[in-house]
Protein backbone atom coordinates (compact mmCIF):
# COMPACT_ATOMS: atom_id res chain seq x y z
CA UNK A 1 0.00 0.00 0.00
CA UNK A 2 2.81 2.44 0.82
CA UNK A 3 4.51 1.52 -2.44
CA UNK A 4 1.37 2.50 -4.38
CA UNK A 5 1.20 5.81 -2.50
CA UNK A 6 4.87 6.53 -3.21
CA UNK A 7 4.38 5.83 -6.91
CA UNK A 8 1.32 8.05 -7.12
CA UNK A 9 3.08 10.94 -5.37
CA UNK A 10 6.13 10.47 -7.60
CA UNK A 11 3.82 10.84 -10.59
CA UNK A 12 2.39 14.08 -9.22
CA UNK A 13 5.88 15.44 -8.65
CA UNK A 14 7.05 14.43 -12.12
CA UNK A 15 4.04 16.13 -13.71
CA UNK A 16 4.68 19.32 -11.73
CA UNK A 17 8.34 19.39 -12.78
CA UNK A 18 7.78 18.43 -16.41
CA UNK A 19 8.24 21.38 -18.75
CA UNK A 20 10.01 23.76 -16.40
CA UNK A 21 13.53 24.39 -15.15
CA UNK A 22 12.82 23.01 -11.68
CA UNK A 23 11.29 24.13 -8.41
CA UNK A 24 12.13 24.69 -4.80
CA UNK A 25 10.82 22.30 -2.19
CA UNK A 26 8.18 24.83 -1.13
CA UNK A 27 7.09 25.52 -4.71
CA UNK A 28 6.87 21.83 -5.49
CA UNK A 29 4.84 21.12 -2.38
CA UNK A 30 2.42 23.88 -3.36
CA UNK A 31 2.24 22.75 -7.01
CA UNK A 32 1.46 19.16 -6.03
CA UNK A 33 -0.92 20.21 -3.24
CA UNK A 34 0.77 17.81 -0.83
CA UNK A 35 0.08 18.68 2.78
CA UNK A 36 2.84 16.79 4.57
CA UNK A 37 6.58 17.06 3.99
CA UNK A 38 6.85 13.31 4.54
CA UNK A 39 4.65 12.69 1.48
CA UNK A 40 6.77 15.01 -0.64
CA UNK A 41 9.95 13.26 0.48
CA UNK A 42 8.38 9.86 -0.14
CA UNK A 43 7.80 10.79 -3.77
CA UNK A 44 11.20 12.46 -4.11
CA UNK A 45 12.87 9.33 -2.77
CA UNK A 46 11.10 7.23 -5.37
CA UNK A 47 12.22 9.54 -8.18
CA UNK A 48 15.78 9.72 -6.86
CA UNK A 49 15.95 5.93 -6.71
CA UNK A 50 14.73 5.76 -10.31
CA UNK A 51 17.35 8.41 -11.26
CA UNK A 52 14.65 10.74 -12.67
CA UNK A 53 15.51 13.92 -10.74
CA UNK A 54 18.47 15.97 -9.59
CA UNK A 55 18.55 17.87 -6.33
CA UNK A 56 20.73 20.74 -5.23
CA UNK A 57 20.77 23.51 -2.67
CA UNK A 58 20.09 27.02 -3.93
CA UNK A 59 20.33 29.84 -1.41
CA UNK A 60 19.80 27.41 1.45
CA UNK A 61 16.72 25.79 -0.06
CA UNK A 62 16.26 22.40 -1.71
CA UNK A 63 15.92 22.71 -5.51
CA UNK A 64 14.58 19.83 -7.62
CA UNK A 65 14.61 19.37 -11.40
CA UNK A 66 14.10 16.55 -13.86
CA UNK A 67 17.14 14.95 -15.47
C-alpha atoms as a PDB file:
ATOM      1  CA  UNK A   1       0.000   0.000   0.000  1.00  0.00           C
ATOM      2  CA  UNK A   2       2.810   2.440   0.821  1.00  0.00           C
ATOM      3  CA  UNK A   3       4.512   1.517  -2.439  1.00  0.00           C
ATOM      4  CA  UNK A   4       1.375   2.501  -4.382  1.00  0.00           C
ATOM      5  CA  UNK A   5       1.202   5.811  -2.500  1.00  0.00           C
ATOM      6  CA  UNK A   6       4.875   6.534  -3.208  1.00  0.00           C
ATOM      7  CA  UNK A   7       4.383   5.826  -6.907  1.00  0.00           C
ATOM      8  CA  UNK A   8       1.318   8.054  -7.117  1.00  0.00           C
ATOM      9  CA  UNK A   9       3.078  10.936  -5.373  1.00  0.00           C
ATOM     10  CA  UNK A  10       6.127  10.470  -7.600  1.00  0.00           C
ATOM     11  CA  UNK A  11       3.819  10.836 -10.589  1.00  0.00           C
ATOM     12  CA  UNK A  12       2.390  14.084  -9.216  1.00  0.00           C
ATOM     13  CA  UNK A  13       5.881  15.442  -8.646  1.00  0.00           C
ATOM     14  CA  UNK A  14       7.054  14.430 -12.117  1.00  0.00           C
ATOM     15  CA  UNK A  15       4.039  16.128 -13.710  1.00  0.00           C
ATOM     16  CA  UNK A  16       4.676  19.321 -11.731  1.00  0.00           C
ATOM     17  CA  UNK A  17       8.343  19.392 -12.783  1.00  0.00           C
ATOM     18  CA  UNK A  18       7.777  18.427 -16.412  1.00  0.00           C
ATOM     19  CA  UNK A  19       8.236  21.376 -18.752  1.00  0.00           C
ATOM     20  CA  UNK A  20      10.011  23.758 -16.401  1.00  0.00           C
ATOM     21  CA  UNK A  21      13.533  24.387 -15.148  1.00  0.00           C
ATOM     22  CA  UNK A  22      12.817  23.006 -11.685  1.00  0.00           C
ATOM     23  CA  UNK A  23      11.287  24.130  -8.405  1.00  0.00           C
ATOM     24  CA  UNK A  24      12.132  24.691  -4.804  1.00  0.00           C
ATOM     25  CA  UNK A  25      10.819  22.304  -2.187  1.00  0.00           C
ATOM     26  CA  UNK A  26       8.184  24.831  -1.132  1.00  0.00           C
ATOM     27  CA  UNK A  27       7.094  25.518  -4.708  1.00  0.00           C
ATOM     28  CA  UNK A  28       6.874  21.825  -5.485  1.00  0.00           C
ATOM     29  CA  UNK A  29       4.841  21.116  -2.376  1.00  0.00           C
ATOM     30  CA  UNK A  30       2.425  23.880  -3.363  1.00  0.00           C
ATOM     31  CA  UNK A  31       2.235  22.746  -7.012  1.00  0.00           C
ATOM     32  CA  UNK A  32       1.463  19.160  -6.031  1.00  0.00           C
ATOM     33  CA  UNK A  33      -0.921  20.213  -3.241  1.00  0.00           C
ATOM     34  CA  UNK A  34       0.773  17.813  -0.833  1.00  0.00           C
ATOM     35  CA  UNK A  35       0.082  18.685   2.780  1.00  0.00           C
ATOM     36  CA  UNK A  36       2.836  16.787   4.567  1.00  0.00           C
ATOM     37  CA  UNK A  37       6.576  17.062   3.987  1.00  0.00           C
ATOM     38  CA  UNK A  38       6.847  13.306   4.539  1.00  0.00           C
ATOM     39  CA  UNK A  39       4.647  12.692   1.480  1.00  0.00           C
ATOM     40  CA  UNK A  40       6.769  15.015  -0.642  1.00  0.00           C
ATOM     41  CA  UNK A  41       9.945  13.264   0.476  1.00  0.00           C
ATOM     42  CA  UNK A  42       8.379   9.861  -0.140  1.00  0.00           C
ATOM     43  CA  UNK A  43       7.803  10.792  -3.774  1.00  0.00           C
ATOM     44  CA  UNK A  44      11.200  12.456  -4.114  1.00  0.00           C
ATOM     45  CA  UNK A  45      12.873   9.333  -2.772  1.00  0.00           C
ATOM     46  CA  UNK A  46      11.098   7.226  -5.370  1.00  0.00           C
ATOM     47  CA  UNK A  47      12.221   9.541  -8.183  1.00  0.00           C
ATOM     48  CA  UNK A  48      15.781   9.720  -6.858  1.00  0.00           C
ATOM     49  CA  UNK A  49      15.953   5.933  -6.707  1.00  0.00           C
ATOM     50  CA  UNK A  50      14.729   5.765 -10.311  1.00  0.00           C
ATOM     51  CA  UNK A  51      17.347   8.412 -11.258  1.00  0.00           C
ATOM     52  CA  UNK A  52      14.654  10.744 -12.674  1.00  0.00           C
ATOM     53  CA  UNK A  53      15.513  13.921 -10.745  1.00  0.00           C
ATOM     54  CA  UNK A  54      18.471  15.967  -9.593  1.00  0.00           C
ATOM     55  CA  UNK A  55      18.548  17.866  -6.334  1.00  0.00           C
ATOM     56  CA  UNK A  56      20.734  20.740  -5.232  1.00  0.00           C
ATOM     57  CA  UNK A  57      20.765  23.508  -2.675  1.00  0.00           C
ATOM     58  CA  UNK A  58      20.089  27.025  -3.929  1.00  0.00           C
ATOM     59  CA  UNK A  59      20.329  29.844  -1.409  1.00  0.00           C
ATOM     60  CA  UNK A  60      19.797  27.415   1.453  1.00  0.00           C
ATOM     61  CA  UNK A  61      16.716  25.794  -0.055  1.00  0.00           C
ATOM     62  CA  UNK A  62      16.262  22.399  -1.708  1.00  0.00           C
ATOM     63  CA  UNK A  63      15.918  22.712  -5.508  1.00  0.00           C
ATOM     64  CA  UNK A  64      14.583  19.834  -7.618  1.00  0.00           C
ATOM     65  CA  UNK A  65      14.611  19.366 -11.395  1.00  0.00           C
ATOM     66  CA  UNK A  66      14.099  16.550 -13.862  1.00  0.00           C
ATOM     67  CA  UNK A  67      17.136  14.954 -15.468  1.00  0.00           C
END
